[in-house]
Amino acid sequence: MLILSRRESERVHLGDDIVLTIVRVNGDKVRIGVEAPPHVKILRTELEVSAQDIKPVHEQKNARRAA
């Protein structure tokens, strides 16, 4: 893992088309802006775990019919 120190308004480039910008630092919180092409999936880790637990609606309906 690469660890960087950045200040507000400083940027980090990932590859050719992703840019992270430190928007604001307030105490122990950092606000980060992400610029990326539409095909790049950006998801906070805590939401990724929740999204894996959620079944698509069509799977929920099929499960009810089988019961």
PDB file of N, CA and C in Angstrom:
ATOM      1  N   MET A   1       0.842  -1.170   0.000  1.00  0.00           N
ATOM      2  CA  MET A   1       0.000   0.000   0.000  1.00  0.00           C
ATOM      3  C   MET A   1       0.891   1.237   0.000  1.00  0.00           C
ATOM      4  N   LEU A   2       0.588   2.148  -0.878  1.00  0.00           N
ATOM      5  CA  LEU A   2       1.291   3.429  -0.932  1.00  0.00           C
ATOM      6  C   LEU A   2       0.580   4.401   0.002  1.00  0.00           C
ATOM      7  N   ILE A   3       1.308   5.071   0.867  1.00  0.00           N
ATOM      8  CA  ILE A   3       0.731   6.050   1.788  1.00  0.00           C
ATOM      9  C   ILE A   3       1.292   7.411   1.433  1.00  0.00           C
ATOM     10  N   LEU A   4       0.404   8.377   1.232  1.00  0.00           N
ATOM     11  CA  LEU A   4       0.799   9.727   0.833  1.00  0.00           C
ATOM     12  C   LEU A   4       0.293  10.751   1.832  1.00  0.00           C
ATOM     13  N   SER A   5       1.016  11.835   1.961  1.00  0.00           N
ATOM     14  CA  SER A   5       0.543  12.999   2.709  1.00  0.00           C
ATOM     15  C   SER A   5       0.147  14.050   1.683  1.00  0.00           C
ATOM     16  N   ARG A   6      -1.035  14.597   1.825  1.00  0.00           N
ATOM     17  CA  ARG A   6      -1.531  15.620   0.904  1.00  0.00           C
ATOM     18  C   ARG A   6      -2.178  16.729   1.714  1.00  0.00           C
ATOM     19  N   ARG A   7      -2.212  17.910   1.154  1.00  0.00           N
ATOM     20  CA  ARG A   7      -2.907  19.051   1.755  1.00  0.00           C
ATOM     21  C   ARG A   7      -4.124  19.384   0.910  1.00  0.00           C
ATOM     22  N   GLU A   8      -4.987  20.236   1.441  1.00  0.00           N
ATOM     23  CA  GLU A   8      -6.172  20.642   0.687  1.00  0.00           C
ATOM     24  C   GLU A   8      -5.784  21.158  -0.688  1.00  0.00           C
ATOM     25  N   SER A   9      -6.573  20.820  -1.664  1.00  0.00           N
ATOM     26  CA  SER A   9      -6.420  21.199  -3.073  1.00  0.00           C
ATOM     27  C   SER A   9      -5.327  20.424  -3.800  1.00  0.00           C
ATOM     28  N   GLU A  10      -4.573  19.584  -3.117  1.00  0.00           N
ATOM     29  CA  GLU A  10      -3.562  18.785  -3.798  1.00  0.00           C
ATOM     30  C   GLU A  10      -4.222  17.554  -4.413  1.00  0.00           C
ATOM     31  N   ARG A  11      -3.595  17.047  -5.479  1.00  0.00           N
ATOM     32  CA  ARG A  11      -4.187  15.952  -6.240  1.00  0.00           C
ATOM     33  C   ARG A  11      -3.259  14.756  -6.325  1.00  0.00           C
ATOM     34  N   VAL A  12      -3.867  13.618  -6.609  1.00  0.00           N
ATOM     35  CA  VAL A  12      -3.148  12.380  -6.890  1.00  0.00           C
ATOM     36  C   VAL A  12      -3.750  11.809  -8.168  1.00  0.00           C
ATOM     37  N   HIS A  13      -2.912  11.471  -9.132  1.00  0.00           N
ATOM     38  CA  HIS A  13      -3.368  10.873 -10.386  1.00  0.00           C
ATOM     39  C   HIS A  13      -3.182   9.364 -10.316  1.00  0.00           C
ATOM     40  N   LEU A  14      -4.227   8.635 -10.682  1.00  0.00           N
ATOM     41  CA  LEU A  14      -4.171   7.173 -10.756  1.00  0.00           C
ATOM     42  C   LEU A  14      -4.325   6.792 -12.223  1.00  0.00           C
ATOM     43  N   GLY A  15      -3.276   6.308 -12.806  1.00  0.00           N
ATOM     44  CA  GLY A  15      -3.324   5.992 -14.229  1.00  0.00           C
ATOM     45  C   GLY A  15      -3.488   7.260 -15.046  1.00  0.00           C
ATOM     46  N   ASP A  16      -4.098   7.104 -16.218  1.00  0.00           N
ATOM     47  CA  ASP A  16      -4.253   8.234 -17.132  1.00  0.00           C
ATOM     48  C   ASP A  16      -5.533   9.024 -16.926  1.00  0.00           C
ATOM     49  N   ASP A  17      -6.544   8.417 -16.289  1.00  0.00           N
ATOM     50  CA  ASP A  17      -7.843   9.081 -16.301  1.00  0.00           C
ATOM     51  C   ASP A  17      -8.570   9.149 -14.961  1.00  0.00           C
ATOM     52  N   ILE A  18      -7.879   8.925 -13.854  1.00  0.00           N
ATOM     53  CA  ILE A  18      -8.504   9.048 -12.535  1.00  0.00           C
ATOM     54  C   ILE A  18      -7.694  10.035 -11.706  1.00  0.00           C
ATOM     55  N   VAL A  19      -8.407  11.008 -11.113  1.00  0.00           N
ATOM     56  CA  VAL A  19      -7.754  12.027 -10.290  1.00  0.00           C
ATOM     57  C   VAL A  19      -8.476  12.111  -8.950  1.00  0.00           C
ATOM     58  N   LEU A  20      -7.709  12.023  -7.871  1.00  0.00           N
ATOM     59  CA  LEU A  20      -8.241  12.234  -6.524  1.00  0.00           C
ATOM     60  C   LEU A  20      -7.798  13.611  -6.067  1.00  0.00           C
ATOM     61  N   THR A  21      -8.733  14.409  -5.555  1.00  0.00           N
ATOM     62  CA  THR A  21      -8.423  15.743  -5.055  1.00  0.00           C
ATOM     63  C   THR A  21      -8.805  15.818  -3.587  1.00  0.00           C
ATOM     64  N   ILE A  22      -7.893  16.299  -2.750  1.00  0.00           N
ATOM     65  CA  ILE A  22      -8.214  16.526  -1.344  1.00  0.00           C
ATOM     66  C   ILE A  22      -8.979  17.844  -1.289  1.00  0.00           C
ATOM     67  N   VAL A  23     -10.271  17.751  -1.063  1.00  0.00           N
ATOM     68  CA  VAL A  23     -11.137  18.927  -1.087  1.00  0.00           C
ATOM     69  C   VAL A  23     -11.072  19.678   0.235  1.00  0.00           C
ATOM     70  N   ARG A  24     -11.149  18.921   1.350  1.00  0.00           N
ATOM     71  CA  ARG A  24     -11.155  19.574   2.660  1.00  0.00           C
ATOM     72  C   ARG A  24     -10.641  18.622   3.724  1.00  0.00           C
ATOM     73  N   VAL A  25      -9.906  19.167   4.668  1.00  0.00           N
ATOM     74  CA  VAL A  25      -9.467  18.419   5.845  1.00  0.00           C
ATOM     75  C   VAL A  25     -10.040  19.151   7.048  1.00  0.00           C
ATOM     76  N   ASN A  26     -10.810  18.424   7.865  1.00  0.00           N
ATOM     77  CA  ASN A  26     -11.450  19.030   9.021  1.00  0.00           C
ATOM     78  C   ASN A  26     -11.303  18.058  10.191  1.00  0.00           C
ATOM     79  N   GLY A  27     -10.331  18.301  11.060  1.00  0.00           N
ATOM     80  CA  GLY A  27     -10.084  17.396  12.187  1.00  0.00           C
ATOM     81  C   GLY A  27      -9.632  16.044  11.680  1.00  0.00           C
ATOM     82  N   ASP A  28     -10.390  14.992  12.034  1.00  0.00           N
ATOM     83  CA  ASP A  28     -10.016  13.639  11.608  1.00  0.00           C
ATOM     84  C   ASP A  28     -10.762  13.190  10.351  1.00  0.00           C
ATOM     85  N   LYS A  29     -11.429  14.124   9.672  1.00  0.00           N
ATOM     86  CA  LYS A  29     -12.162  13.794   8.447  1.00  0.00           C
ATOM     87  C   LYS A  29     -11.522  14.457   7.240  1.00  0.00           C
ATOM     88  N   VAL A  30     -11.498  13.712   6.150  1.00  0.00           N
ATOM     89  CA  VAL A  30     -10.951  14.221   4.894  1.00  0.00           C
ATOM     90  C   VAL A  30     -12.025  14.082   3.833  1.00  0.00           C
ATOM     91  N   ARG A  31     -12.284  15.144   3.101  1.00  0.00           N
ATOM     92  CA  ARG A  31     -13.238  15.103   1.996  1.00  0.00           C
ATOM     93  C   ARG A  31     -12.436  14.970   0.709  1.00  0.00           C
ATOM     94  N   ILE A  32     -12.740  13.928  -0.054  1.00  0.00           N
ATOM     95  CA  ILE A  32     -11.984  13.616  -1.264  1.00  0.00           C
ATOM     96  C   ILE A  32     -12.903  13.703  -2.473  1.00  0.00           C
ATOM     97  N   GLY A  33     -12.433  14.379  -3.514  1.00  0.00           N
ATOM     98  CA  GLY A  33     -13.149  14.421  -4.787  1.00  0.00           C
ATOM     99  C   GLY A  33     -12.530  13.402  -5.728  1.00  0.00           C
ATOM    100  N   VAL A  34     -13.373  12.710  -6.489  1.00  0.00           N
ATOM    101  CA  VAL A  34     -12.895  11.691  -7.420  1.00  0.00           C
ATOM    102  C   VAL A  34     -13.376  12.040  -8.821  1.00  0.00           C
ATOM    103  N   GLU A  35     -12.436  12.169  -9.744  1.00  0.00           N
ATOM    104  CA  GLU A  35     -12.765  12.360 -11.156  1.00  0.00           C
ATOM    105  C   GLU A  35     -12.376  11.083 -11.875  1.00  0.00           C
ATOM    106  N   ALA A  36     -13.361  10.447 -12.515  1.00  0.00           N
ATOM    107  CA  ALA A  36     -13.100   9.183 -13.205  1.00  0.00           C
ATOM    108  C   ALA A  36     -14.103   9.023 -14.341  1.00  0.00           C
ATOM    109  N   PRO A  37     -13.754   8.244 -15.341  1.00  0.00           N
ATOM    110  CA  PRO A  37     -14.688   7.986 -16.430  1.00  0.00           C
ATOM    111  C   PRO A  37     -15.923   7.241 -15.917  1.00  0.00           C
ATOM    112  N   PRO A  38     -17.031   7.339 -16.637  1.00  0.00           N
ATOM    113  CA  PRO A  38     -18.280   6.706 -16.189  1.00  0.00           C
ATOM    114  C   PRO A  38     -18.189   5.192 -15.982  1.00  0.00           C
ATOM    115  N   HIS A  39     -17.331   4.508 -16.707  1.00  0.00           N
ATOM    116  CA  HIS A  39     -17.261   3.050 -16.578  1.00  0.00           C
ATOM    117  C   HIS A  39     -16.516   2.592 -15.319  1.00  0.00           C
ATOM    118  N   VAL A  40     -15.896   3.509 -14.582  1.00  0.00           N
ATOM    119  CA  VAL A  40     -15.162   3.146 -13.367  1.00  0.00           C
ATOM    120  C   VAL A  40     -16.133   3.121 -12.191  1.00  0.00           C
ATOM    121  N   LYS A  41     -16.216   1.980 -11.526  1.00  0.00           N
ATOM    122  CA  LYS A  41     -17.097   1.828 -10.372  1.00  0.00           C
ATOM    123  C   LYS A  41     -16.413   2.436  -9.152  1.00  0.00           C
ATOM    124  N   ILE A  42     -17.106   3.354  -8.479  1.00  0.00           N
ATOM    125  CA  ILE A  42     -16.577   3.987  -7.270  1.00  0.00           C
ATOM    126  C   ILE A  42     -17.591   3.730  -6.161  1.00  0.00           C
ATOM    127  N   LEU A  43     -17.180   3.010  -5.127  1.00  0.00           N
ATOM    128  CA  LEU A  43     -18.107   2.635  -4.069  1.00  0.00           C
ATOM    129  C   LEU A  43     -17.370   2.603  -2.741  1.00  0.00           C
ATOM    130  N   ARG A  44     -17.917   3.301  -1.741  1.00  0.00           N
ATOM    131  CA  ARG A  44     -17.318   3.254  -0.407  1.00  0.00           C
ATOM    132  C   ARG A  44     -17.389   1.823   0.121  1.00  0.00           C
ATOM    133  N   THR A  45     -16.379   1.410   0.865  1.00  0.00           N
ATOM    134  CA  THR A  45     -16.290   0.028   1.338  1.00  0.00           C
ATOM    135  C   THR A  45     -17.519  -0.381   2.138  1.00  0.00           C
ATOM    136  N   GLU A  46     -18.006   0.482   3.019  1.00  0.00           N
ATOM    137  CA  GLU A  46     -19.167   0.104   3.835  1.00  0.00           C
ATOM    138  C   GLU A  46     -20.409  -0.089   2.982  1.00  0.00           C
ATOM    139  N   LEU A  47     -20.513   0.585   1.863  1.00  0.00           N
ATOM    140  CA  LEU A  47     -21.651   0.383   0.968  1.00  0.00           C
ATOM    141  C   LEU A  47     -21.467  -0.865   0.119  1.00  0.00           C
ATOM    142  N   GLU A  48     -20.248  -1.208  -0.198  1.00  0.00           N
ATOM    143  CA  GLU A  48     -19.974  -2.401  -1.001  1.00  0.00           C
ATOM    144  C   GLU A  48     -20.434  -3.653  -0.262  1.00  0.00           C
ATOM    145  N   VAL A  49     -20.185  -3.726   1.027  1.00  0.00           N
ATOM    146  CA  VAL A  49     -20.615  -4.872   1.822  1.00  0.00           C
ATOM    147  C   VAL A  49     -22.134  -4.940   1.837  1.00  0.00           C
ATOM    148  N   SER A  50     -22.812  -3.810   2.018  1.00  0.00           N
ATOM    149  CA  SER A  50     -24.267  -3.786   2.034  1.00  0.00           C
ATOM    150  C   SER A  50     -24.830  -4.189   0.680  1.00  0.00           C
ATOM    151  N   ALA A  51     -24.226  -3.730  -0.397  1.00  0.00           N
ATOM    152  CA  ALA A  51     -24.708  -4.029  -1.741  1.00  0.00           C
ATOM    153  C   ALA A  51     -24.618  -5.525  -2.029  1.00  0.00           C
ATOM    154  N   GLN A  52     -23.638  -6.215  -1.490  1.00  0.00           N
ATOM    155  CA  GLN A  52     -23.504  -7.654  -1.707  1.00  0.00           C
ATOM    156  C   GLN A  52     -24.610  -8.424  -0.996  1.00  0.00           C
ATOM    157  N   ASP A  53     -25.138  -7.875   0.089  1.00  0.00           N
ATOM    158  CA  ASP A  53     -26.196  -8.536   0.842  1.00  0.00           C
ATOM    159  C   ASP A  53     -27.569  -8.353   0.209  1.00  0.00           C
ATOM    160  N   ILE A  54     -27.707  -7.390  -0.676  1.00  0.00           N
ATOM    161  CA  ILE A  54     -28.997  -7.078  -1.283  1.00  0.00           C
ATOM    162  C   ILE A  54     -29.159  -7.889  -2.556  1.00  0.00           C
ATOM    163  N   LYS A  55     -30.253  -8.646  -2.637  1.00  0.00           N
ATOM    164  CA  LYS A  55     -30.528  -9.419  -3.844  1.00  0.00           C
ATOM    165  C   LYS A  55     -31.331  -8.555  -4.811  1.00  0.00           C
ATOM    166  N   PRO A  56     -31.103  -8.707  -6.101  1.00  0.00           N
ATOM    167  CA  PRO A  56     -31.929  -7.992  -7.072  1.00  0.00           C
ATOM    168  C   PRO A  56     -33.391  -8.375  -6.901  1.00  0.00           C
ATOM    169  N   VAL A  57     -34.297  -7.483  -7.285  1.00  0.00           N
ATOM    170  CA  VAL A  57     -35.736  -7.683  -7.090  1.00  0.00           C
ATOM    171  C   VAL A  57     -36.202  -8.982  -7.737  1.00  0.00           C
ATOM    172  N   HIS A  58     -35.743  -9.304  -8.936  1.00  0.00           N
ATOM    173  CA  HIS A  58     -36.205 -10.529  -9.603  1.00  0.00           C
ATOM    174  C   HIS A  58     -35.804 -11.782  -8.823  1.00  0.00           C
ATOM    175  N   GLU A  59     -34.681 -11.770  -8.121  1.00  0.00           N
ATOM    176  CA  GLU A  59     -34.285 -12.918  -7.307  1.00  0.00           C
ATOM    177  C   GLU A  59     -35.181 -13.045  -6.084  1.00  0.00           C
ATOM    178  N   GLN A  60     -35.604 -11.917  -5.511  1.00  0.00           N
ATOM    179  CA  GLN A  60     -36.487 -11.943  -4.350  1.00  0.00           C
ATOM    180  C   GLN A  60     -37.840 -12.525  -4.733  1.00  0.00           C
ATOM    181  N   LYS A  61     -38.382 -12.142  -5.889  1.00  0.00           N
ATOM    182  CA  LYS A  61     -39.685 -12.647  -6.338  1.00  0.00           C
ATOM    183  C   LYS A  61     -39.619 -14.142  -6.598  1.00  0.00           C
ATOM    184  N   ASN A  62     -38.547 -14.615  -7.240  1.00  0.00           N
ATOM    185  CA  ASN A  62     -38.402 -16.045  -7.522  1.00  0.00           C
ATOM    186  C   ASN A  62     -38.290 -16.853  -6.236  1.00  0.00           C
ATOM    187  N   ALA A  63     -37.644 -16.325  -5.223  1.00  0.00           N
ATOM    188  CA  ALA A  63     -37.502 -17.022  -3.942  1.00  0.00           C
ATOM    189  C   ALA A  63     -38.862 -17.181  -3.274  1.00  0.00           C
ATOM    190  N   ARG A  64     -39.724 -16.166  -3.382  1.00  0.00           N
ATOM    191  CA  ARG A  64     -41.063 -16.243  -2.780  1.00  0.00           C
ATOM    192  C   ARG A  64     -41.918 -17.288  -3.493  1.00  0.00           C
ATOM    193  N   ARG A  65     -41.815 -17.363  -4.812  1.00  0.00           N
ATOM    194  CA  ARG A  65     -42.605 -18.329  -5.578  1.00  0.00           C
ATOM    195  C   ARG A  65     -42.196 -19.759  -5.248  1.00  0.00           C
ATOM    196  N   ALA A  66     -40.932 -19.970  -4.984  1.00  0.00           N
ATOM    197  CA  ALA A  66     -40.430 -21.312  -4.693  1.00  0.00           C
ATOM    198  C   ALA A  66     -40.858 -21.786  -3.309  1.00  0.00           C
ATOM    199  N   ALA A  67     -41.174 -20.858  -2.433  1.00  0.00           N
ATOM    200  CA  ALA A  67     -41.520 -21.215  -1.050  1.00  0.00           C
ATOM    201  C   ALA A  67     -42.913 -21.777  -0.932  1.00  0.00           C
TER     202      ALA A  67
END
